Amino acid sequence: MEPISFQGSITVVDSISKAEKALNKLFEAKCIGFDTESRPAFFKGQKFPVSIIQLATNDEAFIFQLKYVRFAGRLVELLSDESIVKVGVGVQDDIRRLNELCKFKQGGFFDLSAEMKKKGVIQSGARALTARYLGRKLVKSSQKTNWALSRLSSRQLEYAATDAWICLQLLEYVKNDTTDYRLLAQVQEEGNYCNNKHNNICE
């Protein structure tokens, strides 16, 4: 499958002034893609706080570096605003980790993974959903890199932007997919059982 990546404008938000400009744009959006990244832990018991928050519209992605911009004020307000839909994958884990930085009440989140699990789909991560609905490959090679770096690489920024943006591209596909995959799997299983039974009788 052909890889897919965000091709729009990427802004690294590493100052209060940049945060204000970014948030002014994001508060005007009706729906934004959402994700977070943390420095990876490679040893048992090791744990690191959220390093960046990625928020994206269809054309722009904003990478909030939390070592320069605190998770507080209007950024918290945005993630609490019920009128602005934040689309992500496995968002409850992200929210739990953000609450370790600042307690807040989540609002307006739509979890693609949780929605697909309700339909009976087990593989409901961003990569699996991108392949299912868009027929494209979501490259994850930068996932285990150090997100706490002061200066993120261009490859990291592209990865981070894509992970938030792709959620927006998948939203309507997930919402409009009315298939009950649990029922479908049951029908297929019953069909296989009948075929096997028929074959045994014929032998």
Protein backbone atom coordinates (compact mmCIF):
# COMPACT_ATOMS: atom_id res chain seq x y z
CA MET A 1 0.00 0.00 0.00
CA GLU A 2 1.12 3.54 -0.70
CA PRO A 3 2.14 5.51 2.42
CA ILE A 4 0.05 8.50 3.48
CA SER A 5 1.29 11.59 5.30
CA PHE A 6 0.15 15.08 6.16
CA GLN A 7 1.05 17.59 3.42
CA GLY A 8 -0.18 20.81 5.03
CA SER A 9 1.45 23.43 7.23
CA ILE A 10 3.12 22.28 10.46
CA THR A 11 3.66 24.77 13.28
CA VAL A 12 5.85 23.92 16.27
CA VAL A 13 4.29 25.67 19.26
CA ASP A 14 7.19 26.40 21.59
CA SER A 15 6.29 29.80 23.04
CA ILE A 16 3.32 31.57 24.63
CA SER A 17 2.90 33.87 21.62
CA LYS A 18 2.81 30.93 19.20
CA ALA A 19 0.37 29.13 21.47
CA GLU A 20 -2.02 32.08 21.45
CA LYS A 21 -1.96 32.29 17.64
CA ALA A 22 -2.46 28.54 17.28
CA LEU A 23 -5.30 28.43 19.80
CA ASN A 24 -7.07 31.34 18.11
CA LYS A 25 -7.22 29.22 14.94
CA LEU A 26 -8.15 26.01 16.73
CA PHE A 27 -11.01 27.62 18.65
CA GLU A 28 -12.52 28.57 15.28
CA ALA A 29 -12.56 24.95 14.10
CA LYS A 30 -15.58 22.69 14.47
CA CYS A 31 -13.54 19.51 14.42
CA ILE A 32 -9.83 18.81 14.99
CA GLY A 33 -7.57 15.77 15.04
CA PHE A 34 -5.94 14.95 18.36
CA ASP A 35 -3.00 12.90 19.62
CA THR A 36 -0.17 13.03 22.15
CA GLU A 37 3.36 11.61 22.30
CA SER A 38 5.65 10.87 25.22
CA ARG A 39 9.28 9.94 25.53
CA PRO A 40 9.34 6.12 25.18
CA ALA A 41 10.14 3.99 28.21
CA PHE A 42 12.36 0.95 27.65
CA PHE A 43 12.72 -0.33 31.22
CA LYS A 44 10.22 -1.75 33.70
CA GLY A 45 8.80 0.94 35.98
CA GLN A 46 10.10 3.75 33.78
CA LYS A 47 7.54 6.44 32.99
CA PHE A 48 7.65 9.82 31.29
CA PRO A 49 5.06 12.61 31.07
CA VAL A 50 3.40 13.73 27.84
CA SER A 51 5.94 15.60 25.70
CA ILE A 52 3.77 16.97 22.91
CA ILE A 53 0.12 17.48 22.04
CA GLN A 54 -0.76 17.35 18.35
CA LEU A 55 -3.85 19.18 17.13
CA ALA A 56 -4.74 19.36 13.45
CA THR A 57 -7.28 20.73 11.03
CA ASN A 58 -7.44 19.50 7.45
CA ASP A 59 -4.81 22.05 6.39
CA GLU A 60 -2.74 22.87 9.49
CA ALA A 61 -1.11 20.91 12.29
CA PHE A 62 0.10 22.38 15.57
CA ILE A 63 2.68 20.57 17.68
CA PHE A 64 2.55 21.87 21.25
CA GLN A 65 5.85 21.17 23.03
CA LEU A 66 4.90 20.98 26.69
CA LYS A 67 8.43 21.71 27.90
CA TYR A 68 7.91 25.24 26.57
CA VAL A 69 4.11 25.63 26.69
CA ARG A 70 2.38 24.37 29.84
CA PHE A 71 -0.77 22.29 29.66
CA ALA A 72 -2.93 24.99 31.22
CA GLY A 73 -5.19 27.94 30.41
CA ARG A 74 -6.74 28.05 26.96
CA LEU A 75 -5.15 24.77 25.88
CA VAL A 76 -7.03 23.01 28.68
CA GLU A 77 -10.17 24.97 27.78
CA LEU A 78 -9.94 23.72 24.20
CA LEU A 79 -9.81 20.08 25.29
CA SER A 80 -12.78 20.71 27.60
CA ASP A 81 -14.93 22.50 25.01
CA GLU A 82 -17.96 20.36 24.10
CA SER A 83 -18.67 22.41 20.97
CA ILE A 84 -15.36 21.49 19.30
CA VAL A 85 -15.01 17.82 18.34
CA LYS A 86 -11.59 16.31 19.07
CA VAL A 87 -11.05 13.11 17.07
CA GLY A 88 -8.44 10.59 18.13
CA VAL A 89 -7.58 6.93 18.65
CA GLY A 90 -7.44 5.49 22.16
CA VAL A 91 -8.00 8.95 23.58
CA GLN A 92 -8.76 7.83 27.15
CA ASP A 93 -5.12 6.90 27.70
CA ASP A 94 -4.05 10.32 26.37
CA ILE A 95 -6.56 12.07 28.62
CA ARG A 96 -5.46 10.06 31.66
CA ARG A 97 -1.84 11.07 31.09
CA LEU A 98 -2.75 14.71 30.50
CA ASN A 99 -4.67 14.68 33.78
CA GLU A 100 -1.39 13.85 35.48
CA LEU A 101 -0.17 17.27 34.32
CA CYS A 102 -3.36 19.22 35.02
CA LYS A 103 -6.73 17.96 36.19
CA PHE A 104 -9.41 18.83 33.65
CA LYS A 105 -12.82 17.74 32.43
CA GLN A 106 -12.65 16.32 28.93
CA GLY A 107 -15.22 17.51 26.43
CA GLY A 108 -16.11 16.82 22.82
CA PHE A 109 -13.87 13.80 22.24
CA PHE A 110 -14.68 11.15 19.62
CA ASP A 111 -12.62 7.96 19.95
CA LEU A 112 -12.35 6.16 16.60
CA SER A 113 -10.96 3.02 18.21
CA ALA A 114 -13.70 2.78 20.84
CA GLU A 115 -16.36 3.30 18.17
CA MET A 116 -14.95 0.52 15.99
CA LYS A 117 -14.76 -1.87 18.94
CA LYS A 118 -18.49 -1.28 19.50
CA LYS A 119 -18.98 -2.52 15.92
CA GLY A 120 -16.95 -5.64 16.69
CA VAL A 121 -13.65 -4.66 15.06
CA ILE A 122 -10.63 -5.85 17.06
CA GLN A 123 -7.87 -4.16 15.05
CA SER A 124 -8.98 -0.57 15.54
CA GLY A 125 -5.72 1.38 15.72
CA ALA A 126 -4.95 4.26 13.37
CA ARG A 127 -2.79 2.11 11.10
CA ALA A 128 -5.45 -0.60 10.77
CA LEU A 129 -8.25 1.92 10.15
CA THR A 130 -6.18 3.78 7.54
CA ALA A 131 -5.62 0.54 5.66
CA ARG A 132 -9.28 -0.49 6.00
CA TYR A 133 -10.90 2.73 4.83
CA LEU A 134 -8.28 4.59 2.82
CA GLY A 135 -6.27 1.70 1.41
CA ARG A 136 -3.07 3.50 2.45
CA LYS A 137 -0.19 2.74 4.81
CA LEU A 138 0.34 4.80 7.96
CA VAL A 139 4.08 4.74 8.66
CA LYS A 140 4.94 4.37 12.37
CA SER A 141 8.75 4.30 12.24
CA SER A 142 9.12 7.46 14.37
CA GLN A 143 6.78 6.33 17.14
CA LYS A 144 9.53 5.16 19.53
CA THR A 145 11.78 8.19 19.10
CA ASN A 146 12.55 10.74 21.83
CA TRP A 147 9.66 13.21 21.90
CA ALA A 148 11.21 15.15 24.80
CA LEU A 149 13.96 16.58 22.59
CA SER A 150 14.21 20.37 22.52
CA ARG A 151 14.30 20.32 18.73
CA LEU A 152 12.23 17.67 16.97
CA SER A 153 13.39 16.32 13.61
CA SER A 154 11.45 16.93 10.40
CA ARG A 155 10.58 13.23 10.33
CA GLN A 156 9.17 13.42 13.88
CA LEU A 157 7.12 16.50 13.01
CA GLU A 158 5.67 14.84 9.91
CA TYR A 159 4.80 11.74 11.92
CA ALA A 160 3.21 13.75 14.74
CA ALA A 161 1.18 15.91 12.36
CA THR A 162 0.01 12.89 10.36
CA ASP A 163 -1.14 11.00 13.45
CA ALA A 164 -3.50 13.81 14.43
CA TRP A 165 -4.58 14.72 10.89
CA ILE A 166 -5.37 11.15 9.83
CA CYS A 167 -8.04 10.95 12.53
CA LEU A 168 -10.00 13.66 10.75
CA GLN A 169 -9.74 11.78 7.46
CA LEU A 170 -11.12 8.63 9.09
CA LEU A 171 -13.98 10.22 11.04
CA GLU A 172 -16.74 10.07 8.43
CA TYR A 173 -15.78 6.56 7.35
CA VAL A 174 -16.10 5.30 10.91
CA LYS A 175 -19.33 7.18 11.60
CA ASN A 176 -20.93 5.98 8.35
CA ASP A 177 -19.88 2.34 8.69
CA THR A 178 -23.07 0.67 9.92
CA THR A 179 -21.79 -2.90 9.62
CA ASP A 180 -22.13 -5.05 12.73
CA TYR A 181 -18.87 -6.96 12.39
CA ARG A 182 -19.73 -9.24 15.33
CA LEU A 183 -22.86 -10.42 13.52
CA LEU A 184 -20.91 -10.73 10.27
CA ALA A 185 -18.27 -12.88 11.97
CA GLN A 186 -20.99 -15.05 13.49
CA VAL A 187 -22.64 -15.59 10.10
CA GLN A 188 -19.29 -16.47 8.52
CA GLU A 189 -18.50 -18.88 11.35
CA GLU A 190 -21.88 -20.58 10.95
CA GLY A 191 -21.30 -20.79 7.20
CA ASN A 192 -17.90 -22.41 7.72
CA TYR A 193 -19.44 -24.89 10.16
CA CYS A 194 -22.12 -25.87 7.67
CA ASN A 195 -19.58 -26.27 4.87
CA ASN A 196 -17.34 -28.45 7.03
CA LYS A 197 -20.33 -30.57 8.12
CA HIS A 198 -21.41 -31.01 4.50
CA ASN A 199 -17.91 -32.01 3.45
CA ASN A 200 -17.69 -34.58 6.24
CA ILE A 201 -20.98 -36.14 5.18
CA CYS A 202 -19.86 -36.33 1.56
CA GLU A 203 -16.55 -38.04 2.40
